[in-house]
């Protein structure tokens, strides 16, 4: 475990509010990061994905960088545009 991981774990133990907010924010970050990686794996630019989705590059950037409250239908369309399938899991 590196210094950052150690710091985060200590903060989570001291502050339940921090832990809840951190975990929620991290999950939102992961969604955007996964979408970006899927786009890159497909060899597509943000502009190309935007064209497939009939939107603007700035909208794709927002999806990849600020995925909070993203609609399921948007996730499905994005996945399809980059040649992927969307799988959801309730755990």
PDB file of N, CA and C in Angstrom:
ATOM      1  N   UNK A   1       0.856  -1.172   0.000  1.00  0.00           N
ATOM      2  CA  UNK A   1       0.000   0.000   0.000  1.00  0.00           C
ATOM      3  C   UNK A   1       0.903   1.236   0.000  1.00  0.00           C
ATOM      4  N   UNK A   2       0.641   2.176  -0.917  1.00  0.00           N
ATOM      5  CA  UNK A   2       1.479   3.380  -0.955  1.00  0.00           C
ATOM      6  C   UNK A   2       0.955   4.445   0.007  1.00  0.00           C
ATOM      7  N   UNK A   3       1.654   5.559   0.060  1.00  0.00           N
ATOM      8  CA  UNK A   3       1.314   6.630   1.007  1.00  0.00           C
ATOM      9  C   UNK A   3      -0.098   7.175   0.788  1.00  0.00           C
ATOM     10  N   UNK A   4      -0.498   7.320  -0.469  1.00  0.00           N
ATOM     11  CA  UNK A   4      -1.831   7.845  -0.762  1.00  0.00           C
ATOM     12  C   UNK A   4      -2.906   6.878  -0.265  1.00  0.00           C
ATOM     13  N   UNK A   5      -2.738   5.591  -0.545  1.00  0.00           N
ATOM     14  CA  UNK A   5      -3.715   4.598  -0.080  1.00  0.00           C
ATOM     15  C   UNK A   5      -3.804   4.587   1.439  1.00  0.00           C
ATOM     16  N   UNK A   6      -2.658   4.689   2.092  1.00  0.00           N
ATOM     17  CA  UNK A   6      -2.625   4.714   3.562  1.00  0.00           C
ATOM     18  C   UNK A   6      -3.364   5.935   4.091  1.00  0.00           C
ATOM     19  N   UNK A   7      -3.128   7.088   3.476  1.00  0.00           N
ATOM     20  CA  UNK A   7      -3.794   8.322   3.886  1.00  0.00           C
ATOM     21  C   UNK A   7      -5.315   8.201   3.718  1.00  0.00           C
ATOM     22  N   UNK A   8      -5.736   7.681   2.569  1.00  0.00           N
ATOM     23  CA  UNK A   8      -7.172   7.549   2.296  1.00  0.00           C
ATOM     24  C   UNK A   8      -7.817   6.620   3.317  1.00  0.00           C
ATOM     25  N   UNK A   9      -7.196   5.503   3.608  1.00  0.00           N
ATOM     26  CA  UNK A   9      -7.756   4.566   4.583  1.00  0.00           C
ATOM     27  C   UNK A   9      -7.853   5.199   5.970  1.00  0.00           C
ATOM     28  N   UNK A  10      -6.845   5.954   6.367  1.00  0.00           N
ATOM     29  CA  UNK A  10      -6.885   6.630   7.678  1.00  0.00           C
ATOM     30  C   UNK A  10      -8.009   7.656   7.720  1.00  0.00           C
ATOM     31  N   UNK A  11      -8.161   8.424   6.649  1.00  0.00           N
ATOM     32  CA  UNK A  11      -9.242   9.424   6.591  1.00  0.00           C
ATOM     33  C   UNK A  11     -10.606   8.765   6.644  1.00  0.00           C
ATOM     34  N   UNK A  12     -10.765   7.643   5.939  1.00  0.00           N
ATOM     35  CA  UNK A  12     -12.036   6.921   5.945  1.00  0.00           C
ATOM     36  C   UNK A  12     -12.378   6.444   7.358  1.00  0.00           C
ATOM     37  N   UNK A  13     -11.377   5.975   8.083  1.00  0.00           N
ATOM     38  CA  UNK A  13     -11.609   5.492   9.445  1.00  0.00           C
ATOM     39  C   UNK A  13     -11.995   6.635  10.378  1.00  0.00           C
ATOM     40  N   UNK A  14     -11.409   7.792  10.182  1.00  0.00           N
ATOM     41  CA  UNK A  14     -11.686   8.944  11.039  1.00  0.00           C
ATOM     42  C   UNK A  14     -13.010   9.616  10.714  1.00  0.00           C
ATOM     43  N   UNK A  15     -13.410   9.564   9.450  1.00  0.00           N
ATOM     44  CA  UNK A  15     -14.569  10.339   9.018  1.00  0.00           C
ATOM     45  C   UNK A  15     -15.488   9.517   8.109  1.00  0.00           C
ATOM     46  N   UNK A  16     -16.616   9.027   8.646  1.00  0.00           N
ATOM     47  CA  UNK A  16     -17.560   8.285   7.801  1.00  0.00           C
ATOM     48  C   UNK A  16     -18.085   9.120   6.631  1.00  0.00           C
ATOM     49  N   UNK A  17     -18.236  10.424   6.840  1.00  0.00           N
ATOM     50  CA  UNK A  17     -18.697  11.296   5.758  1.00  0.00           C
ATOM     51  C   UNK A  17     -17.702  11.342   4.615  1.00  0.00           C
ATOM     52  N   UNK A  18     -16.424  11.428   4.961  1.00  0.00           N
ATOM     53  CA  UNK A  18     -15.371  11.412   3.938  1.00  0.00           C
ATOM     54  C   UNK A  18     -15.407  10.083   3.184  1.00  0.00           C
ATOM     55  N   UNK A  19     -15.543   8.990   3.932  1.00  0.00           N
ATOM     56  CA  UNK A  19     -15.545   7.662   3.319  1.00  0.00           C
ATOM     57  C   UNK A  19     -16.685   7.530   2.315  1.00  0.00           C
ATOM     58  N   UNK A  20     -17.879   7.960   2.732  1.00  0.00           N
ATOM     59  CA  UNK A  20     -19.042   7.848   1.851  1.00  0.00           C
ATOM     60  C   UNK A  20     -18.861   8.698   0.596  1.00  0.00           C
ATOM     61  N   UNK A  21     -18.435   9.940   0.772  1.00  0.00           N
ATOM     62  CA  UNK A  21     -18.231  10.829  -0.365  1.00  0.00           C
ATOM     63  C   UNK A  21     -17.115  10.365  -1.278  1.00  0.00           C
ATOM     64  N   UNK A  22     -16.049   9.868  -0.672  1.00  0.00           N
ATOM     65  CA  UNK A  22     -14.912   9.394  -1.466  1.00  0.00           C
ATOM     66  C   UNK A  22     -15.321   8.195  -2.310  1.00  0.00           C
ATOM     67  N   UNK A  23     -15.979   7.233  -1.679  1.00  0.00           N
ATOM     68  CA  UNK A  23     -16.370   6.023  -2.403  1.00  0.00           C
ATOM     69  C   UNK A  23     -17.326   6.336  -3.545  1.00  0.00           C
ATOM     70  N   UNK A  24     -18.289   7.231  -3.312  1.00  0.00           N
ATOM     71  CA  UNK A  24     -19.236   7.619  -4.364  1.00  0.00           C
ATOM     72  C   UNK A  24     -18.503   8.318  -5.505  1.00  0.00           C
ATOM     73  N   UNK A  25     -17.640   9.239  -5.166  1.00  0.00           N
ATOM     74  CA  UNK A  25     -16.877   9.955  -6.190  1.00  0.00           C
ATOM     75  C   UNK A  25     -15.960   9.033  -6.971  1.00  0.00           C
ATOM     76  N   UNK A  26     -15.361   8.081  -6.277  1.00  0.00           N
ATOM     77  CA  UNK A  26     -14.465   7.146  -6.949  1.00  0.00           C
ATOM     78  C   UNK A  26     -15.239   6.269  -7.936  1.00  0.00           C
ATOM     79  N   UNK A  27     -16.422   5.826  -7.560  1.00  0.00           N
ATOM     80  CA  UNK A  27     -17.230   5.012  -8.470  1.00  0.00           C
ATOM     81  C   UNK A  27     -17.595   5.808  -9.720  1.00  0.00           C
ATOM     82  N   UNK A  28     -17.939   7.074  -9.557  1.00  0.00           N
ATOM     83  CA  UNK A  28     -18.259   7.919 -10.710  1.00  0.00           C
ATOM     84  C   UNK A  28     -17.029   8.116 -11.591  1.00  0.00           C
ATOM     85  N   UNK A  29     -15.877   8.294 -10.962  1.00  0.00           N
ATOM     86  CA  UNK A  29     -14.629   8.435 -11.709  1.00  0.00           C
ATOM     87  C   UNK A  29     -14.351   7.172 -12.518  1.00  0.00           C
ATOM     88  N   UNK A  30     -14.572   5.999 -11.907  1.00  0.00           N
ATOM     89  CA  UNK A  30     -14.303   4.739 -12.597  1.00  0.00           C
ATOM     90  C   UNK A  30     -15.173   4.572 -13.827  1.00  0.00           C
ATOM     91  N   UNK A  31     -16.419   4.988 -13.745  1.00  0.00           N
ATOM     92  CA  UNK A  31     -17.312   4.878 -14.902  1.00  0.00           C
ATOM     93  C   UNK A  31     -16.747   5.682 -16.067  1.00  0.00           C
ATOM     94  N   UNK A  32     -16.395   6.921 -15.814  1.00  0.00           N
ATOM     95  CA  UNK A  32     -15.828   7.763 -16.862  1.00  0.00           C
ATOM     96  C   UNK A  32     -14.535   7.197 -17.413  1.00  0.00           C
ATOM     97  N   UNK A  33     -13.682   6.681 -16.511  1.00  0.00           N
ATOM     98  CA  UNK A  33     -12.403   6.110 -16.938  1.00  0.00           C
ATOM     99  C   UNK A  33     -12.619   4.868 -17.801  1.00  0.00           C
ATOM    100  N   UNK A  34     -13.605   4.053 -17.450  1.00  0.00           N
ATOM    101  CA  UNK A  34     -13.897   2.854 -18.250  1.00  0.00           C
ATOM    102  C   UNK A  34     -14.428   3.242 -19.628  1.00  0.00           C
ATOM    103  N   UNK A  35     -15.263   4.266 -19.675  1.00  0.00           N
ATOM    104  CA  UNK A  35     -15.788   4.710 -20.964  1.00  0.00           C
ATOM    105  C   UNK A  35     -14.667   5.248 -21.848  1.00  0.00           C
ATOM    106  N   UNK A  36     -13.802   6.035 -21.259  1.00  0.00           N
ATOM    107  CA  UNK A  36     -12.672   6.581 -22.027  1.00  0.00           C
ATOM    108  C   UNK A  36     -11.789   5.454 -22.533  1.00  0.00           C
ATOM    109  N   UNK A  37     -11.496   4.469 -21.679  1.00  0.00           N
ATOM    110  CA  UNK A  37     -10.637   3.361 -22.094  1.00  0.00           C
ATOM    111  C   UNK A  37     -11.289   2.559 -23.208  1.00  0.00           C
ATOM    112  N   UNK A  38     -12.594   2.357 -23.135  1.00  0.00           N
ATOM    113  CA  UNK A  38     -13.305   1.641 -24.201  1.00  0.00           C
ATOM    114  C   UNK A  38     -13.189   2.398 -25.518  1.00  0.00           C
ATOM    115  N   UNK A  39     -13.300   3.725 -25.445  1.00  0.00           N
ATOM    116  CA  UNK A  39     -13.174   4.545 -26.658  1.00  0.00           C
ATOM    117  C   UNK A  39     -11.770   4.429 -27.230  1.00  0.00           C
ATOM    118  N   UNK A  40     -10.762   4.525 -26.358  1.00  0.00           N
ATOM    119  CA  UNK A  40      -9.377   4.426 -26.817  1.00  0.00           C
ATOM    120  C   UNK A  40      -9.086   3.039 -27.392  1.00  0.00           C
ATOM    121  N   UNK A  41      -9.597   1.990 -26.741  1.00  0.00           N
ATOM    122  CA  UNK A  41      -9.409   0.628 -27.243  1.00  0.00           C
ATOM    123  C   UNK A  41     -10.022   0.456 -28.620  1.00  0.00           C
ATOM    124  N   UNK A  42     -11.098   1.170 -28.875  1.00  0.00           N
ATOM    125  CA  UNK A  42     -11.764   1.110 -30.183  1.00  0.00           C
ATOM    126  C   UNK A  42     -11.037   1.970 -31.222  1.00  0.00           C
ATOM    127  N   UNK A  43     -10.043   2.730 -30.770  1.00  0.00           N
ATOM    128  CA  UNK A  43      -9.284   3.581 -31.687  1.00  0.00           C
ATOM    129  C   UNK A  43     -10.055   4.795 -32.158  1.00  0.00           C
ATOM    130  N   UNK A  44     -10.983   5.274 -31.333  1.00  0.00           N
ATOM    131  CA  UNK A  44     -11.822   6.400 -31.711  1.00  0.00           C
ATOM    132  C   UNK A  44     -11.464   7.650 -30.931  1.00  0.00           C
ATOM    133  N   UNK A  45     -11.649   8.787 -31.564  1.00  0.00           N
ATOM    134  CA  UNK A  45     -11.488  10.068 -30.890  1.00  0.00           C
ATOM    135  C   UNK A  45     -12.820  10.472 -30.268  1.00  0.00           C
ATOM    136  N   UNK A  46     -12.774  11.460 -29.409  1.00  0.00           N
ATOM    137  CA  UNK A  46     -14.024  11.986 -28.856  1.00  0.00           C
ATOM    138  C   UNK A  46     -14.907  12.532 -29.965  1.00  0.00           C
ATOM    139  N   UNK A  47     -14.300  13.145 -30.956  1.00  0.00           N
ATOM    140  CA  UNK A  47     -15.067  13.696 -32.073  1.00  0.00           C
ATOM    141  C   UNK A  47     -15.808  12.600 -32.826  1.00  0.00           C
ATOM    142  N   UNK A  48     -15.140  11.460 -33.035  1.00  0.00           N
ATOM    143  CA  UNK A  48     -15.770  10.359 -33.762  1.00  0.00           C
ATOM    144  C   UNK A  48     -16.944   9.763 -32.980  1.00  0.00           C
ATOM    145  N   UNK A  49     -16.769   9.611 -31.674  1.00  0.00           N
ATOM    146  CA  UNK A  49     -17.859   9.093 -30.847  1.00  0.00           C
ATOM    147  C   UNK A  49     -19.016  10.097 -30.841  1.00  0.00           C
ATOM    148  N   UNK A  50     -18.681  11.383 -30.735  1.00  0.00           N
ATOM    149  CA  UNK A  50     -19.714  12.418 -30.745  1.00  0.00           C
ATOM    150  C   UNK A  50     -20.524  12.358 -32.037  1.00  0.00           C
ATOM    151  N   UNK A  51     -19.847  12.154 -33.147  1.00  0.00           N
ATOM    152  CA  UNK A  51     -20.546  12.075 -34.428  1.00  0.00           C
ATOM    153  C   UNK A  51     -21.500  10.873 -34.446  1.00  0.00           C
ATOM    154  N   UNK A  52     -21.048   9.742 -33.927  1.00  0.00           N
ATOM    155  CA  UNK A  52     -21.901   8.554 -33.883  1.00  0.00           C
ATOM    156  C   UNK A  52     -23.120   8.762 -32.995  1.00  0.00           C
ATOM    157  N   UNK A  53     -22.957   9.561 -31.947  1.00  0.00           N
ATOM    158  CA  UNK A  53     -24.045   9.801 -31.003  1.00  0.00           C
ATOM    159  C   UNK A  53     -24.833  11.071 -31.322  1.00  0.00           C
ATOM    160  N   UNK A  54     -24.487  11.726 -32.425  1.00  0.00           N
ATOM    161  CA  UNK A  54     -25.170  12.948 -32.851  1.00  0.00           C
ATOM    162  C   UNK A  54     -25.119  14.018 -31.755  1.00  0.00           C
ATOM    163  N   UNK A  55     -23.915  14.223 -31.250  1.00  0.00           N
ATOM    164  CA  UNK A  55     -23.717  15.239 -30.223  1.00  0.00           C
ATOM    165  C   UNK A  55     -22.382  15.929 -30.478  1.00  0.00           C
ATOM    166  N   UNK A  56     -21.904  16.686 -29.507  1.00  0.00           N
ATOM    167  CA  UNK A  56     -20.658  17.436 -29.655  1.00  0.00           C
ATOM    168  C   UNK A  56     -19.542  16.782 -28.851  1.00  0.00           C
ATOM    169  N   UNK A  57     -18.316  17.072 -29.232  1.00  0.00           N
ATOM    170  CA  UNK A  57     -17.143  16.560 -28.530  1.00  0.00           C
ATOM    171  C   UNK A  57     -17.186  16.935 -27.055  1.00  0.00           C
ATOM    172  N   UNK A  58     -17.662  18.125 -26.755  1.00  0.00           N
ATOM    173  CA  UNK A  58     -17.709  18.572 -25.360  1.00  0.00           C
ATOM    174  C   UNK A  58     -18.622  17.682 -24.520  1.00  0.00           C
ATOM    175  N   UNK A  59     -19.681  17.137 -25.132  1.00  0.00           N
ATOM    176  CA  UNK A  59     -20.570  16.228 -24.404  1.00  0.00           C
ATOM    177  C   UNK A  59     -19.856  14.923 -24.080  1.00  0.00           C
ATOM    178  N   UNK A  60     -19.051  14.434 -25.009  1.00  0.00           N
ATOM    179  CA  UNK A  60     -18.288  13.206 -24.768  1.00  0.00           C
ATOM    180  C   UNK A  60     -17.247  13.446 -23.687  1.00  0.00           C
ATOM    181  N   UNK A  61     -16.620  14.590 -23.719  1.00  0.00           N
ATOM    182  CA  UNK A  61     -15.651  14.948 -22.679  1.00  0.00           C
ATOM    183  C   UNK A  61     -16.310  14.980 -21.310  1.00  0.00           C
ATOM    184  N   UNK A  62     -17.487  15.576 -21.223  1.00  0.00           N
ATOM    185  CA  UNK A  62     -18.216  15.619 -19.942  1.00  0.00           C
ATOM    186  C   UNK A  62     -18.552  14.213 -19.452  1.00  0.00           C
ATOM    187  N   UNK A  63     -18.979  13.350 -20.367  1.00  0.00           N
ATOM    188  CA  UNK A  63     -19.311  11.972 -19.991  1.00  0.00           C
ATOM    189  C   UNK A  63     -18.070  11.285 -19.423  1.00  0.00           C
ATOM    190  N   UNK A  64     -16.947  11.437 -20.091  1.00  0.00           N
ATOM    191  CA  UNK A  64     -15.725  10.757 -19.658  1.00  0.00           C
ATOM    192  C   UNK A  64     -15.130  11.356 -18.390  1.00  0.00           C
ATOM    193  N   UNK A  65     -15.322  12.635 -18.173  1.00  0.00           N
ATOM    194  CA  UNK A  65     -14.677  13.291 -17.033  1.00  0.00           C
ATOM    195  C   UNK A  65     -15.595  13.578 -15.857  1.00  0.00           C
ATOM    196  N   UNK A  66     -16.901  13.542 -16.080  1.00  0.00           N
ATOM    197  CA  UNK A  66     -17.861  13.849 -15.016  1.00  0.00           C
ATOM    198  C   UNK A  66     -19.073  12.938 -15.184  1.00  0.00           C
ATOM    199  N   UNK A  67     -18.897  11.652 -14.897  1.00  0.00           N
ATOM    200  CA  UNK A  67     -19.937  10.667 -15.203  1.00  0.00           C
ATOM    201  C   UNK A  67     -21.031  10.582 -14.142  1.00  0.00           C
ATOM    202  N   UNK A  68     -21.100  11.540 -13.230  1.00  0.00           N
ATOM    203  CA  UNK A  68     -22.140  11.465 -12.207  1.00  0.00           C
ATOM    204  C   UNK A  68     -23.520  11.627 -12.830  1.00  0.00           C
ATOM    205  N   UNK A  69     -24.452  10.871 -12.324  1.00  0.00           N
ATOM    206  CA  UNK A  69     -25.849  10.910 -12.774  1.00  0.00           C
ATOM    207  C   UNK A  69     -26.023  10.686 -14.277  1.00  0.00           C
ATOM    208  N   UNK A  70     -25.180   9.863 -14.852  1.00  0.00           N
ATOM    209  CA  UNK A  70     -25.312   9.569 -16.273  1.00  0.00           C
ATOM    210  C   UNK A  70     -26.469   8.598 -16.474  1.00  0.00           C
ATOM    211  N   UNK A  71     -27.255   8.820 -17.498  1.00  0.00           N
ATOM    212  CA  UNK A  71     -28.430   7.978 -17.756  1.00  0.00           C
ATOM    213  C   UNK A  71     -28.001   6.633 -18.336  1.00  0.00           C
ATOM    214  N   UNK A  72     -28.742   5.612 -17.991  1.00  0.00           N
ATOM    215  CA  UNK A  72     -28.465   4.274 -18.492  1.00  0.00           C
ATOM    216  C   UNK A  72     -28.512   4.254 -20.017  1.00  0.00           C
ATOM    217  N   UNK A  73     -29.468   4.953 -20.590  1.00  0.00           N
ATOM    218  CA  UNK A  73     -29.579   4.984 -22.053  1.00  0.00           C
ATOM    219  C   UNK A  73     -28.336   5.625 -22.682  1.00  0.00           C
ATOM    220  N   UNK A  74     -27.755   6.610 -22.018  1.00  0.00           N
ATOM    221  CA  UNK A  74     -26.531   7.236 -22.521  1.00  0.00           C
ATOM    222  C   UNK A  74     -25.371   6.248 -22.461  1.00  0.00           C
ATOM    223  N   UNK A  75     -25.275   5.502 -21.366  1.00  0.00           N
ATOM    224  CA  UNK A  75     -24.229   4.481 -21.245  1.00  0.00           C
ATOM    225  C   UNK A  75     -24.369   3.430 -22.343  1.00  0.00           C
ATOM    226  N   UNK A  76     -25.602   3.009 -22.597  1.00  0.00           N
ATOM    227  CA  UNK A  76     -25.842   2.001 -23.633  1.00  0.00           C
ATOM    228  C   UNK A  76     -25.435   2.520 -25.013  1.00  0.00           C
ATOM    229  N   UNK A  77     -25.804   3.746 -25.310  1.00  0.00           N
ATOM    230  CA  UNK A  77     -25.460   4.340 -26.608  1.00  0.00           C
ATOM    231  C   UNK A  77     -23.958   4.520 -26.753  1.00  0.00           C
ATOM    232  N   UNK A  78     -23.297   4.964 -25.693  1.00  0.00           N
ATOM    233  CA  UNK A  78     -21.845   5.155 -25.725  1.00  0.00           C
ATOM    234  C   UNK A  78     -21.166   3.809 -25.979  1.00  0.00           C
ATOM    235  N   UNK A  79     -21.580   2.790 -25.230  1.00  0.00           N
ATOM    236  CA  UNK A  79     -20.988   1.460 -25.387  1.00  0.00           C
ATOM    237  C   UNK A  79     -21.154   0.959 -26.816  1.00  0.00           C
ATOM    238  N   UNK A  80     -22.340   1.125 -27.357  1.00  0.00           N
ATOM    239  CA  UNK A  80     -22.598   0.690 -28.727  1.00  0.00           C
ATOM    240  C   UNK A  80     -21.723   1.458 -29.716  1.00  0.00           C
ATOM    241  N   UNK A  81     -21.550   2.750 -29.497  1.00  0.00           N
ATOM    242  CA  UNK A  81     -20.761   3.585 -30.404  1.00  0.00           C
ATOM    243  C   UNK A  81     -19.299   3.154 -30.453  1.00  0.00           C
ATOM    244  N   UNK A  82     -18.803   2.563 -29.361  1.00  0.00           N
ATOM    245  CA  UNK A  82     -17.404   2.130 -29.333  1.00  0.00           C
ATOM    246  C   UNK A  82     -17.278   0.612 -29.521  1.00  0.00           C
ATOM    247  N   UNK A  83     -18.395  -0.004 -29.944  1.00  0.00           N
ATOM    248  CA  UNK A  83     -18.366  -1.425 -30.263  1.00  0.00           C
ATOM    249  C   UNK A  83     -18.352  -2.357 -29.058  1.00  0.00           C
ATOM    250  N   UNK A  84     -18.909  -1.900 -27.958  1.00  0.00           N
ATOM    251  CA  UNK A  84     -18.941  -2.700 -26.728  1.00  0.00           C
ATOM    252  C   UNK A  84     -20.380  -2.969 -26.322  1.00  0.00           C
ATOM    253  N   UNK A  85     -20.535  -3.895 -25.373  1.00  0.00           N
ATOM    254  CA  UNK A  85     -21.826  -4.167 -24.752  1.00  0.00           C
ATOM    255  C   UNK A  85     -21.785  -3.652 -23.335  1.00  0.00           C
ATOM    256  N   UNK A  86     -22.914  -3.235 -22.829  1.00  0.00           N
ATOM    257  CA  UNK A  86     -23.008  -2.755 -21.463  1.00  0.00           C
ATOM    258  C   UNK A  86     -23.511  -3.881 -20.574  1.00  0.00           C
ATOM    259  N   UNK A  87     -22.811  -4.138 -19.479  1.00  0.00           N
ATOM    260  CA  UNK A  87     -23.225  -5.129 -18.500  1.00  0.00           C
ATOM    261  C   UNK A  87     -23.342  -4.432 -17.161  1.00  0.00           C
ATOM    262  N   UNK A  88     -24.431  -4.682 -16.464  1.00  0.00           N
ATOM    263  CA  UNK A  88     -24.644  -4.117 -15.145  1.00  0.00           C
ATOM    264  C   UNK A  88     -24.668  -5.237 -14.122  1.00  0.00           C
ATOM    265  N   UNK A  89     -24.228  -4.907 -12.921  1.00  0.00           N
ATOM    266  CA  UNK A  89     -24.234  -5.882 -11.849  1.00  0.00           C
ATOM    267  C   UNK A  89     -24.725  -5.202 -10.579  1.00  0.00           C
ATOM    268  N   UNK A  90     -25.636  -5.857  -9.913  1.00  0.00           N
ATOM    269  CA  UNK A  90     -26.074  -5.372  -8.608  1.00  0.00           C
ATOM    270  C   UNK A  90     -25.388  -6.260  -7.588  1.00  0.00           C
ATOM    271  N   UNK A  91     -24.554  -5.646  -6.787  1.00  0.00           N
ATOM    272  CA  UNK A  91     -23.760  -6.440  -5.820  1.00  0.00           C
ATOM    273  C   UNK A  91     -23.997  -5.949  -4.407  1.00  0.00           C
TER     274      UNK A  91
END
